[in-house]
């Protein structure tokens, strides 16, 4: 199973955007869906993504231009272009612009999900089906955490939070960074959501003897610190 990814989906036809976003979300991904290139350009300046899915023909700024700009910034996350263009010359243009894959519209949902899984394995963050920090292992396919003889099932949000922490061990992560990593754009959490999530995750970590690992750095944020 490919790890859950943060995906930017840009499609100007809402009749295609909504079902594709729903399918990707149901597959466990965090999906920011927008309808025009200018908004996508702004979001890309604010957030990091594991995968971009861009319609070629977008209002204001095309998906092809977004892909080119993204690559010029040195960004390496995979890019999938959606388009009705099916000529060989168009496919060549897409690949030359920095796209990793190309899907003809209207996109079949099952084919899209298969391509997303394949592209996820190319992501710079892809490390297989498990993450490990010291002697604690997170199983991406089962949403479980394991340490020694103890294991614990996590909820989806707890899993995403711990995964994010484990991908940045010993690094202080601000509340803003955590919100951007765990919630969709335009769907900001309630003011106490992170506090509640931290408390719930600590309860899970206590069951495997690692409660002290989740450290509050007052005035700055949180970090996973196995050295304490």
Protein backbone atom coordinates (compact mmCIF):
# COMPACT_ATOMS: atom_id res chain seq x y z
CA UNK A 1 0.00 0.00 0.00
CA UNK A 2 1.35 3.42 -0.96
CA UNK A 3 1.67 5.90 1.88
CA UNK A 4 -1.04 8.49 2.27
CA UNK A 5 -0.04 11.63 0.41
CA UNK A 6 -0.88 15.30 0.37
CA UNK A 7 -2.12 15.95 -3.16
CA UNK A 8 -2.90 19.16 -5.04
CA UNK A 9 -5.67 18.49 -7.58
CA UNK A 10 -6.33 21.32 -10.05
CA UNK A 11 -9.33 20.90 -12.36
CA UNK A 12 -11.57 23.70 -13.66
CA UNK A 13 -14.57 21.43 -14.37
CA UNK A 14 -16.27 20.96 -11.02
CA UNK A 15 -18.15 17.91 -12.38
CA UNK A 16 -14.78 16.21 -12.74
CA UNK A 17 -13.04 17.83 -9.77
CA UNK A 18 -15.51 16.67 -7.13
CA UNK A 19 -15.61 12.93 -7.95
CA UNK A 20 -11.84 12.75 -8.42
CA UNK A 21 -11.24 14.56 -5.13
CA UNK A 22 -13.72 12.27 -3.38
CA UNK A 23 -12.06 9.14 -4.76
CA UNK A 24 -8.58 10.29 -3.73
CA UNK A 25 -9.82 11.24 -0.27
CA UNK A 26 -11.54 7.87 0.15
CA UNK A 27 -8.21 6.24 -0.75
CA UNK A 28 -6.79 7.97 2.33
CA UNK A 29 -5.02 10.95 0.78
CA UNK A 30 -5.25 14.57 1.93
CA UNK A 31 -6.46 16.42 -1.16
CA UNK A 32 -6.57 20.16 -1.83
CA UNK A 33 -8.87 20.70 -4.81
CA UNK A 34 -8.88 24.03 -6.70
CA UNK A 35 -10.39 25.19 -9.97
CA UNK A 36 -7.89 27.61 -11.54
CA UNK A 37 -4.19 28.01 -12.14
CA UNK A 38 -3.76 31.29 -10.27
CA UNK A 39 -5.11 29.81 -7.04
CA UNK A 40 -2.95 26.74 -7.55
CA UNK A 41 0.12 28.94 -8.05
CA UNK A 42 -0.60 30.76 -4.78
CA UNK A 43 -1.13 27.52 -2.83
CA UNK A 44 2.08 26.05 -4.20
CA UNK A 45 3.94 29.04 -2.75
CA UNK A 46 2.49 28.25 0.69
CA UNK A 47 2.39 24.46 0.92
CA UNK A 48 4.45 21.41 0.04
CA UNK A 49 2.88 18.44 -1.72
CA UNK A 50 3.76 14.82 -2.38
CA UNK A 51 1.94 14.81 -5.73
CA UNK A 52 0.42 17.33 -8.15
CA UNK A 53 -2.48 16.42 -10.48
CA UNK A 54 -2.95 19.27 -12.98
CA UNK A 55 -5.47 19.80 -15.74
CA UNK A 56 -3.60 21.08 -18.78
CA UNK A 57 -6.19 23.69 -19.82
CA UNK A 58 -6.88 25.91 -16.81
CA UNK A 59 -8.12 29.49 -16.50
CA UNK A 60 -5.38 32.14 -16.22
CA UNK A 61 -2.39 29.80 -15.84
CA UNK A 62 -2.29 26.43 -17.61
CA UNK A 63 -1.36 23.20 -15.92
CA UNK A 64 1.58 22.91 -18.29
CA UNK A 65 2.87 26.34 -17.17
CA UNK A 66 2.36 25.40 -13.52
CA UNK A 67 4.41 22.27 -14.06
CA UNK A 68 7.21 24.21 -15.72
CA UNK A 69 7.26 26.83 -12.93
CA UNK A 70 7.24 24.11 -10.29
CA UNK A 71 10.25 22.38 -11.83
CA UNK A 72 12.15 25.64 -12.23
CA UNK A 73 11.83 26.11 -8.46
CA UNK A 74 13.64 22.81 -8.02
CA UNK A 75 10.56 20.96 -6.73
CA UNK A 76 10.75 17.22 -7.27
CA UNK A 77 7.31 15.85 -6.30
CA UNK A 78 5.68 13.84 -9.12
CA UNK A 79 3.32 15.66 -11.50
CA UNK A 80 0.43 14.02 -13.36
CA UNK A 81 -1.16 16.02 -16.18
CA UNK A 82 -4.83 15.54 -17.08
CA UNK A 83 -5.87 16.59 -20.58
CA UNK A 84 -8.04 15.85 -23.59
CA UNK A 85 -4.97 16.34 -25.79
CA UNK A 86 -3.88 12.93 -27.03
CA UNK A 87 -1.46 13.64 -29.88
CA UNK A 88 2.10 12.36 -29.56
CA UNK A 89 3.45 15.91 -29.78
CA UNK A 90 1.30 16.90 -26.78
CA UNK A 91 2.57 13.99 -24.72
CA UNK A 92 6.12 14.98 -25.58
CA UNK A 93 5.40 18.60 -24.55
CA UNK A 94 4.01 17.42 -21.21
CA UNK A 95 7.01 15.21 -20.44
CA UNK A 96 9.47 17.90 -21.56
CA UNK A 97 7.73 20.36 -19.22
CA UNK A 98 8.57 18.09 -16.29
CA UNK A 99 5.45 15.95 -15.98
CA UNK A 100 5.96 12.38 -14.77
CA UNK A 101 2.75 10.99 -16.21
CA UNK A 102 -0.10 11.90 -18.52
CA UNK A 103 -3.74 10.80 -18.40
CA UNK A 104 -6.37 11.41 -21.08
CA UNK A 105 -9.67 12.94 -19.95
CA UNK A 106 -12.25 12.05 -18.96
CA UNK A 107 -10.13 10.22 -16.43
CA UNK A 108 -11.22 6.78 -15.27
CA UNK A 109 -11.14 6.87 -11.47
CA UNK A 110 -9.62 3.40 -11.09
CA UNK A 111 -6.87 4.17 -13.59
CA UNK A 112 -6.18 7.48 -11.85
CA UNK A 113 -5.84 5.77 -8.48
CA UNK A 114 -3.50 3.17 -9.97
CA UNK A 115 -1.30 5.89 -11.47
CA UNK A 116 -1.32 7.79 -8.16
CA UNK A 117 -0.12 4.66 -6.37
CA UNK A 118 2.66 4.23 -8.91
CA UNK A 119 3.71 7.89 -8.70
CA UNK A 120 3.62 7.73 -4.91
CA UNK A 121 6.38 5.18 -5.04
CA UNK A 122 8.53 7.77 -6.84
CA UNK A 123 7.97 10.43 -4.21
CA UNK A 124 11.09 11.64 -2.34
CA UNK A 125 9.25 10.69 0.87
CA UNK A 126 8.57 7.11 -0.23
CA UNK A 127 10.31 4.67 2.11
CA UNK A 128 8.27 1.50 1.76
CA UNK A 129 5.45 0.23 3.95
CA UNK A 130 6.96 1.17 7.30
CA UNK A 131 8.57 4.11 9.03
CA UNK A 132 10.99 3.60 11.89
CA UNK A 133 12.50 5.98 14.46
CA UNK A 134 14.82 4.24 16.90
CA UNK A 135 12.89 1.13 18.02
CA UNK A 136 9.40 2.41 17.14
CA UNK A 137 7.82 1.29 13.87
CA UNK A 138 4.78 2.72 12.11
CA UNK A 139 3.03 0.38 9.68
CA UNK A 140 1.55 2.40 6.84
CA UNK A 141 -0.72 -0.33 5.53
CA UNK A 142 -2.40 -1.17 8.84
CA UNK A 143 -2.28 2.16 10.73
CA UNK A 144 -0.55 0.50 13.66
CA UNK A 145 2.44 1.48 15.77
CA UNK A 146 4.78 -1.08 17.26
CA UNK A 147 7.54 -1.00 19.85
CA UNK A 148 9.01 -4.13 21.33
CA UNK A 149 6.19 -6.55 22.10
CA UNK A 150 3.55 -3.80 22.19
CA UNK A 151 1.42 -2.58 19.30
CA UNK A 152 -1.42 -0.08 19.04
CA UNK A 153 -4.04 0.75 16.41
CA UNK A 154 -4.34 4.43 15.49
CA UNK A 155 -7.18 6.45 14.05
CA UNK A 156 -6.57 7.98 10.63
CA UNK A 157 -5.84 11.45 12.02
CA UNK A 158 -3.58 10.07 14.77
CA UNK A 159 -1.74 8.04 12.16
CA UNK A 160 -1.24 11.06 9.88
CA UNK A 161 0.04 13.13 12.79
CA UNK A 162 2.49 10.49 13.95
CA UNK A 163 3.63 9.84 10.38
CA UNK A 164 4.36 13.54 9.98
CA UNK A 165 6.30 13.61 13.25
CA UNK A 166 8.27 10.51 12.32
CA UNK A 167 9.23 11.96 8.97
CA UNK A 168 10.70 14.94 10.84
CA UNK A 169 12.21 13.39 14.00
CA UNK A 170 13.64 15.80 16.57
CA UNK A 171 12.43 18.76 14.48
CA UNK A 172 10.11 21.31 16.11
CA UNK A 173 6.89 21.52 14.09
CA UNK A 174 4.66 24.54 14.61
CA UNK A 175 0.89 24.37 14.89
CA UNK A 176 0.66 26.02 11.47
CA UNK A 177 2.87 23.35 9.90
CA UNK A 178 0.84 20.59 11.51
CA UNK A 179 -2.45 22.09 10.32
CA UNK A 180 -1.15 22.33 6.75
CA UNK A 181 0.09 18.75 6.84
CA UNK A 182 -3.06 17.18 8.29
CA UNK A 183 -6.00 19.22 7.03
CA UNK A 184 -7.19 20.16 3.55
CA UNK A 185 -6.92 23.73 2.34
CA UNK A 186 -10.16 25.56 3.11
CA UNK A 187 -11.06 23.01 5.80
CA UNK A 188 -9.15 24.43 8.75
CA UNK A 189 -9.54 22.61 12.09
CA UNK A 190 -11.20 23.98 15.21
CA UNK A 191 -8.97 25.99 17.52
CA UNK A 192 -8.45 23.13 19.98
CA UNK A 193 -8.11 20.34 17.39
CA UNK A 194 -4.34 20.01 17.63
CA UNK A 195 -4.39 20.07 21.44
CA UNK A 196 -6.95 17.25 21.41
CA UNK A 197 -4.95 15.32 18.82
CA UNK A 198 -1.75 15.62 20.85
CA UNK A 199 -3.53 14.32 23.95
CA UNK A 200 -5.00 11.35 22.06
CA UNK A 201 -1.67 10.44 20.46
CA UNK A 202 0.09 10.62 23.84
CA UNK A 203 -2.46 8.14 25.16
CA UNK A 204 -1.56 5.75 22.34
CA UNK A 205 2.18 6.25 22.85
CA UNK A 206 1.78 5.57 26.57
CA UNK A 207 0.51 2.09 25.72
CA UNK A 208 3.84 1.27 24.05
CA UNK A 209 6.05 3.05 26.59
CA UNK A 210 6.87 6.08 24.45
CA UNK A 211 4.66 8.82 25.87
CA UNK A 212 7.66 11.04 26.67
CA UNK A 213 8.71 11.02 23.01
CA UNK A 214 6.00 13.51 22.01
CA UNK A 215 7.43 16.71 23.43
CA UNK A 216 5.74 20.11 23.74
CA UNK A 217 8.14 22.96 23.02
CA UNK A 218 6.29 25.84 24.61
CA UNK A 219 5.66 28.79 22.33
CA UNK A 220 7.02 26.91 19.33
CA UNK A 221 5.18 23.63 18.72
CA UNK A 222 5.80 19.91 19.08
CA UNK A 223 8.46 17.38 18.19
CA UNK A 224 9.09 13.69 18.30
CA UNK A 225 12.16 13.36 20.50
CA UNK A 226 13.15 9.77 21.34
CA UNK A 227 16.19 11.02 23.25
CA UNK A 228 14.26 12.30 26.28
